[in-house]
Amino acid sequence: MRFFKTLTFLLFLSLVSLFLSTAIPATSMIPSDRHPANIYLHQVMVSMQAAMEHVQLTGNPDTDFALMMIPHHQGAIEMAKVELLHGTDPRLRRLAQEIVVTQKSEIDVMRLALDQPNQNHN
């Protein structure tokens, strides 16, 4: 299971790295390591990783999926908020808006599934 967490996290880091390398114009006057968006994105990533690492897996695939995906989705929401605060590309800003709405809705579904587990096991 730890392998799955590590693999998921590495994939996420790759996507974040790609995002960071293309989202902020090269002509920015603020060094990339000091840009407020990058600082906040890093904080979100660290927070999300910590939340995912502290999930106590149950052995039930449905429960474990929801428990792991909730902090992952919350991280996506927080990253989308950074785009909405700092981004200028209207396509990415629209995507960020959609991410906030859809990921919140999906978190609600997962919390409901955790509160009311499916009793119909096949």
N, C-alpha and C. Protein backbone atom coordinates (compact mmCIF):
# COMPACT_ATOMS: atom_id res chain seq x y z
N MET A 1 0.82 -1.18 0.00
CA MET A 1 0.00 0.00 0.00
C MET A 1 0.88 1.25 0.00
N ARG A 2 2.00 1.20 0.70
CA ARG A 2 2.90 2.35 0.73
C ARG A 2 3.42 2.64 -0.67
N PHE A 3 3.64 1.59 -1.47
CA PHE A 3 4.08 1.76 -2.85
C PHE A 3 3.06 2.58 -3.63
N PHE A 4 1.76 2.28 -3.44
CA PHE A 4 0.70 3.00 -4.13
C PHE A 4 0.70 4.47 -3.73
N LYS A 5 0.87 4.76 -2.44
CA LYS A 5 0.92 6.13 -1.97
C LYS A 5 2.10 6.87 -2.60
N THR A 6 3.26 6.21 -2.60
CA THR A 6 4.46 6.83 -3.16
C THR A 6 4.30 7.07 -4.65
N LEU A 7 3.77 6.10 -5.37
CA LEU A 7 3.57 6.24 -6.81
C LEU A 7 2.58 7.36 -7.11
N THR A 8 1.50 7.42 -6.36
CA THR A 8 0.51 8.48 -6.54
C THR A 8 1.13 9.84 -6.28
N PHE A 9 1.90 9.94 -5.22
CA PHE A 9 2.52 11.20 -4.88
C PHE A 9 3.53 11.62 -5.95
N LEU A 10 4.33 10.69 -6.45
CA LEU A 10 5.31 11.03 -7.49
C LEU A 10 4.62 11.48 -8.78
N LEU A 11 3.51 10.85 -9.13
CA LEU A 11 2.75 11.29 -10.29
C LEU A 11 2.22 12.70 -10.07
N PHE A 12 1.70 12.95 -8.89
CA PHE A 12 1.20 14.28 -8.57
C PHE A 12 2.33 15.31 -8.65
N LEU A 13 3.50 15.00 -8.09
CA LEU A 13 4.63 15.92 -8.15
C LEU A 13 5.03 16.22 -9.59
N SER A 14 4.99 15.21 -10.44
CA SER A 14 5.32 15.41 -11.85
C SER A 14 4.35 16.39 -12.50
N LEU A 15 3.08 16.22 -12.20
CA LEU A 15 2.08 17.13 -12.75
C LEU A 15 2.25 18.54 -12.22
N VAL A 16 2.53 18.66 -10.94
CA VAL A 16 2.76 19.99 -10.36
C VAL A 16 3.99 20.63 -10.99
N SER A 17 5.04 19.86 -11.16
CA SER A 17 6.25 20.37 -11.79
C SER A 17 5.97 20.87 -13.19
N LEU A 18 5.21 20.11 -13.95
CA LEU A 18 4.84 20.53 -15.30
C LEU A 18 4.03 21.80 -15.24
N PHE A 19 3.06 21.87 -14.31
CA PHE A 19 2.24 23.06 -14.15
C PHE A 19 3.10 24.27 -13.82
N LEU A 20 4.00 24.12 -12.86
CA LEU A 20 4.83 25.24 -12.44
C LEU A 20 5.77 25.71 -13.55
N SER A 21 6.21 24.80 -14.37
CA SER A 21 7.15 25.18 -15.43
C SER A 21 6.46 25.91 -16.58
N THR A 22 5.12 25.78 -16.68
CA THR A 22 4.42 26.42 -17.79
C THR A 22 3.45 27.50 -17.36
N ALA A 23 3.05 27.52 -16.09
CA ALA A 23 1.99 28.44 -15.66
C ALA A 23 2.47 29.86 -15.44
N ILE A 24 3.73 30.04 -15.06
CA ILE A 24 4.22 31.36 -14.75
C ILE A 24 5.15 31.81 -15.86
N PRO A 25 4.84 32.96 -16.48
CA PRO A 25 5.65 33.42 -17.61
C PRO A 25 7.12 33.57 -17.25
N ALA A 26 7.99 33.25 -18.20
CA ALA A 26 9.43 33.35 -17.98
C ALA A 26 9.85 34.79 -17.76
N THR A 27 9.04 35.74 -18.20
CA THR A 27 9.38 37.15 -18.07
C THR A 27 9.00 37.72 -16.71
N SER A 28 8.49 36.88 -15.82
CA SER A 28 8.11 37.36 -14.50
C SER A 28 9.30 38.02 -13.82
N MET A 29 9.04 39.11 -13.14
CA MET A 29 10.12 39.84 -12.45
C MET A 29 10.42 39.24 -11.07
N ILE A 30 9.56 38.38 -10.61
CA ILE A 30 9.77 37.77 -9.30
C ILE A 30 10.45 36.42 -9.50
N PRO A 31 11.57 36.17 -8.81
CA PRO A 31 12.19 34.84 -8.94
C PRO A 31 11.18 33.75 -8.60
N SER A 32 11.21 32.65 -9.35
CA SER A 32 10.19 31.61 -9.20
C SER A 32 10.10 31.05 -7.78
N ASP A 33 11.22 30.99 -7.08
CA ASP A 33 11.17 30.44 -5.73
C ASP A 33 10.57 31.42 -4.72
N ARG A 34 10.36 32.67 -5.14
CA ARG A 34 9.77 33.67 -4.24
C ARG A 34 8.41 34.14 -4.71
N HIS A 35 7.97 33.65 -5.84
CA HIS A 35 6.65 34.05 -6.34
C HIS A 35 5.60 33.55 -5.36
N PRO A 36 4.67 34.40 -4.94
CA PRO A 36 3.66 33.97 -3.97
C PRO A 36 2.91 32.72 -4.40
N ALA A 37 2.62 32.59 -5.67
CA ALA A 37 1.89 31.40 -6.15
C ALA A 37 2.71 30.14 -5.91
N ASN A 38 4.00 30.19 -6.20
CA ASN A 38 4.85 29.01 -6.01
C ASN A 38 4.99 28.65 -4.54
N ILE A 39 5.11 29.66 -3.71
CA ILE A 39 5.22 29.41 -2.27
C ILE A 39 3.95 28.73 -1.78
N TYR A 40 2.80 29.24 -2.20
CA TYR A 40 1.54 28.67 -1.75
C TYR A 40 1.34 27.27 -2.33
N LEU A 41 1.68 27.07 -3.60
CA LEU A 41 1.55 25.74 -4.21
C LEU A 41 2.39 24.72 -3.44
N HIS A 42 3.59 25.13 -3.06
CA HIS A 42 4.44 24.22 -2.30
C HIS A 42 3.80 23.89 -0.95
N GLN A 43 3.25 24.90 -0.27
CA GLN A 43 2.59 24.66 1.01
C GLN A 43 1.41 23.71 0.85
N VAL A 44 0.65 23.89 -0.21
CA VAL A 44 -0.49 23.01 -0.47
C VAL A 44 -0.02 21.58 -0.67
N MET A 45 1.04 21.43 -1.45
CA MET A 45 1.57 20.10 -1.74
C MET A 45 2.05 19.40 -0.47
N VAL A 46 2.76 20.12 0.37
CA VAL A 46 3.26 19.54 1.62
C VAL A 46 2.08 19.16 2.52
N SER A 47 1.10 20.03 2.62
CA SER A 47 -0.07 19.76 3.45
C SER A 47 -0.85 18.54 2.94
N MET A 48 -1.03 18.47 1.62
CA MET A 48 -1.76 17.35 1.04
C MET A 48 -1.02 16.04 1.27
N GLN A 49 0.29 16.06 1.08
CA GLN A 49 1.08 14.84 1.29
C GLN A 49 0.98 14.39 2.74
N ALA A 50 1.08 15.32 3.67
CA ALA A 50 0.98 14.97 5.09
C ALA A 50 -0.38 14.37 5.40
N ALA A 51 -1.43 14.97 4.86
CA ALA A 51 -2.79 14.46 5.11
C ALA A 51 -2.95 13.05 4.55
N MET A 52 -2.41 12.81 3.37
CA MET A 52 -2.54 11.49 2.76
C MET A 52 -1.71 10.45 3.52
N GLU A 53 -0.56 10.85 4.02
CA GLU A 53 0.29 9.92 4.75
C GLU A 53 -0.30 9.54 6.11
N HIS A 54 -1.16 10.38 6.66
CA HIS A 54 -1.75 10.11 7.96
C HIS A 54 -3.06 9.34 7.88
N VAL A 55 -3.49 9.02 6.68
CA VAL A 55 -4.71 8.24 6.53
C VAL A 55 -4.47 6.84 7.08
N GLN A 56 -5.36 6.39 7.95
CA GLN A 56 -5.29 5.04 8.50
C GLN A 56 -6.10 4.13 7.59
N LEU A 57 -5.42 3.34 6.78
CA LEU A 57 -6.10 2.45 5.85
C LEU A 57 -6.82 1.34 6.61
N THR A 58 -7.97 0.94 6.10
CA THR A 58 -8.83 -0.02 6.79
C THR A 58 -8.79 -1.43 6.19
N GLY A 59 -8.31 -1.53 4.96
CA GLY A 59 -8.37 -2.81 4.26
C GLY A 59 -9.61 -2.93 3.39
N ASN A 60 -10.54 -2.00 3.52
CA ASN A 60 -11.73 -1.97 2.67
C ASN A 60 -11.41 -1.04 1.50
N PRO A 61 -11.38 -1.57 0.27
CA PRO A 61 -10.98 -0.75 -0.88
C PRO A 61 -11.84 0.50 -1.07
N ASP A 62 -13.13 0.41 -0.83
CA ASP A 62 -14.01 1.57 -1.00
C ASP A 62 -13.68 2.65 0.03
N THR A 63 -13.58 2.23 1.27
CA THR A 63 -13.27 3.17 2.34
C THR A 63 -11.90 3.79 2.14
N ASP A 64 -10.91 2.97 1.84
CA ASP A 64 -9.55 3.47 1.67
C ASP A 64 -9.44 4.42 0.48
N PHE A 65 -10.16 4.11 -0.60
CA PHE A 65 -10.19 4.99 -1.76
C PHE A 65 -10.69 6.37 -1.36
N ALA A 66 -11.83 6.40 -0.67
CA ALA A 66 -12.41 7.68 -0.26
C ALA A 66 -11.49 8.42 0.71
N LEU A 67 -10.94 7.69 1.68
CA LEU A 67 -10.06 8.32 2.67
C LEU A 67 -8.83 8.95 2.02
N MET A 68 -8.28 8.31 1.00
CA MET A 68 -7.10 8.84 0.32
C MET A 68 -7.45 9.96 -0.65
N MET A 69 -8.58 9.83 -1.31
CA MET A 69 -8.94 10.81 -2.33
C MET A 69 -9.44 12.13 -1.76
N ILE A 70 -10.01 12.12 -0.58
CA ILE A 70 -10.50 13.38 0.00
C ILE A 70 -9.36 14.39 0.16
N PRO A 71 -8.25 14.05 0.81
CA PRO A 71 -7.17 15.06 0.90
C PRO A 71 -6.56 15.37 -0.46
N HIS A 72 -6.55 14.40 -1.36
CA HIS A 72 -6.02 14.63 -2.71
C HIS A 72 -6.89 15.67 -3.43
N HIS A 73 -8.20 15.50 -3.35
CA HIS A 73 -9.12 16.45 -3.98
C HIS A 73 -9.04 17.82 -3.30
N GLN A 74 -8.90 17.84 -1.97
CA GLN A 74 -8.78 19.11 -1.28
C GLN A 74 -7.53 19.85 -1.73
N GLY A 75 -6.45 19.10 -1.95
CA GLY A 75 -5.23 19.71 -2.49
C GLY A 75 -5.46 20.31 -3.86
N ALA A 76 -6.21 19.62 -4.70
CA ALA A 76 -6.52 20.13 -6.04
C ALA A 76 -7.33 21.42 -5.93
N ILE A 77 -8.26 21.46 -5.00
CA ILE A 77 -9.07 22.68 -4.80
C ILE A 77 -8.17 23.84 -4.38
N GLU A 78 -7.27 23.58 -3.44
CA GLU A 78 -6.39 24.64 -2.97
C GLU A 78 -5.46 25.13 -4.08
N MET A 79 -4.98 24.21 -4.91
CA MET A 79 -4.13 24.61 -6.04
C MET A 79 -4.93 25.42 -7.06
N ALA A 80 -6.17 25.04 -7.28
CA ALA A 80 -7.03 25.79 -8.20
C ALA A 80 -7.26 27.21 -7.68
N LYS A 81 -7.38 27.35 -6.37
CA LYS A 81 -7.55 28.69 -5.79
C LYS A 81 -6.32 29.56 -6.05
N VAL A 82 -5.14 28.95 -6.04
CA VAL A 82 -3.92 29.69 -6.36
C VAL A 82 -4.00 30.20 -7.79
N GLU A 83 -4.45 29.36 -8.70
CA GLU A 83 -4.61 29.78 -10.09
C GLU A 83 -5.59 30.94 -10.19
N LEU A 84 -6.68 30.85 -9.46
CA LEU A 84 -7.69 31.92 -9.51
C LEU A 84 -7.15 33.23 -8.94
N LEU A 85 -6.26 33.15 -7.97
CA LEU A 85 -5.67 34.35 -7.38
C LEU A 85 -4.54 34.94 -8.22
N HIS A 86 -3.76 34.08 -8.85
CA HIS A 86 -2.54 34.54 -9.50
C HIS A 86 -2.49 34.32 -11.02
N GLY A 87 -3.29 33.42 -11.52
CA GLY A 87 -3.22 33.08 -12.93
C GLY A 87 -3.84 34.15 -13.83
N THR A 88 -3.40 34.17 -15.06
CA THR A 88 -3.92 35.14 -16.02
C THR A 88 -4.50 34.49 -17.27
N ASP A 89 -4.20 33.23 -17.51
CA ASP A 89 -4.70 32.54 -18.70
C ASP A 89 -6.18 32.20 -18.47
N PRO A 90 -7.08 32.77 -19.29
CA PRO A 90 -8.51 32.53 -19.07
C PRO A 90 -8.89 31.05 -19.16
N ARG A 91 -8.19 30.28 -19.97
CA ARG A 91 -8.49 28.84 -20.08
C ARG A 91 -8.19 28.13 -18.77
N LEU A 92 -7.04 28.44 -18.17
CA LEU A 92 -6.66 27.80 -16.92
C LEU A 92 -7.50 28.30 -15.75
N ARG A 93 -7.88 29.57 -15.80
CA ARG A 93 -8.74 30.10 -14.74
C ARG A 93 -10.11 29.42 -14.79
N ARG A 94 -10.63 29.19 -15.99
CA ARG A 94 -11.92 28.51 -16.13
C ARG A 94 -11.79 27.07 -15.63
N LEU A 95 -10.71 26.41 -16.00
CA LEU A 95 -10.46 25.04 -15.52
C LEU A 95 -10.38 25.03 -13.99
N ALA A 96 -9.70 26.01 -13.42
CA ALA A 96 -9.59 26.08 -11.96
C ALA A 96 -10.96 26.24 -11.31
N GLN A 97 -11.82 27.05 -11.92
CA GLN A 97 -13.18 27.20 -11.39
C GLN A 97 -13.91 25.87 -11.43
N GLU A 98 -13.78 25.15 -12.53
CA GLU A 98 -14.44 23.85 -12.66
C GLU A 98 -13.88 22.85 -11.64
N ILE A 99 -12.59 22.89 -11.41
CA ILE A 99 -11.96 21.99 -10.45
C ILE A 99 -12.53 22.24 -9.06
N VAL A 100 -12.66 23.50 -8.67
CA VAL A 100 -13.20 23.82 -7.35
C VAL A 100 -14.60 23.23 -7.20
N VAL A 101 -15.45 23.44 -8.20
CA VAL A 101 -16.83 22.98 -8.11
C VAL A 101 -16.91 21.45 -8.12
N THR A 102 -16.24 20.82 -9.08
CA THR A 102 -16.38 19.37 -9.22
C THR A 102 -15.69 18.62 -8.09
N GLN A 103 -14.53 19.08 -7.68
CA GLN A 103 -13.82 18.37 -6.61
C GLN A 103 -14.56 18.50 -5.28
N LYS A 104 -15.17 19.66 -5.02
CA LYS A 104 -15.98 19.81 -3.80
C LYS A 104 -17.15 18.83 -3.83
N SER A 105 -17.79 18.74 -4.98
CA SER A 105 -18.92 17.82 -5.12
C SER A 105 -18.47 16.38 -4.92
N GLU A 106 -17.34 16.01 -5.46
CA GLU A 106 -16.82 14.65 -5.32
C GLU A 106 -16.43 14.36 -3.87
N ILE A 107 -15.89 15.35 -3.17
CA ILE A 107 -15.59 15.17 -1.76
C ILE A 107 -16.88 14.90 -0.99
N ASP A 108 -17.94 15.62 -1.31
CA ASP A 108 -19.23 15.40 -0.66
C ASP A 108 -19.72 13.97 -0.88
N VAL A 109 -19.57 13.46 -2.10
CA VAL A 109 -19.99 12.09 -2.41
C VAL A 109 -19.16 11.10 -1.59
N MET A 110 -17.86 11.32 -1.51
CA MET A 110 -17.00 10.40 -0.76
C MET A 110 -17.30 10.44 0.73
N ARG A 111 -17.57 11.62 1.27
CA ARG A 111 -17.93 11.72 2.70
C ARG A 111 -19.25 11.01 2.97
N LEU A 112 -20.19 11.15 2.05
CA LEU A 112 -21.47 10.45 2.19
C LEU A 112 -21.25 8.94 2.17
N ALA A 113 -20.40 8.48 1.27
CA ALA A 113 -20.10 7.04 1.18
C ALA A 113 -19.44 6.55 2.47
N LEU A 114 -18.60 7.38 3.07
CA LEU A 114 -17.96 6.99 4.33
C LEU A 114 -18.97 6.97 5.48
N ASP A 115 -19.90 7.92 5.46
CA ASP A 115 -20.92 7.99 6.51
C ASP A 115 -21.99 6.92 6.37
N GLN A 116 -22.27 6.55 5.11
CA GLN A 116 -23.31 5.55 4.82
C GLN A 116 -22.75 4.49 3.89
N PRO A 117 -21.94 3.58 4.43
CA PRO A 117 -21.29 2.57 3.57
C PRO A 117 -22.34 1.70 2.82
N ASN A 118 -21.93 1.24 1.66
CA ASN A 118 -22.76 0.35 0.85
C ASN A 118 -22.85 -1.00 1.55
N GLN A 119 -24.06 -1.44 1.81
CA GLN A 119 -24.27 -2.72 2.50
C GLN A 119 -24.38 -3.88 1.51
N ASN A 120 -24.39 -3.59 0.24
CA ASN A 120 -24.54 -4.62 -0.81
C ASN A 120 -23.17 -5.02 -1.32
N HIS A 121 -22.51 -5.91 -0.61
CA HIS A 121 -21.21 -6.39 -1.04
C HIS A 121 -21.39 -7.57 -1.97
N ASN A 122 -20.71 -7.52 -3.11
CA ASN A 122 -20.82 -8.62 -4.09
C ASN A 122 -19.76 -9.64 -3.82
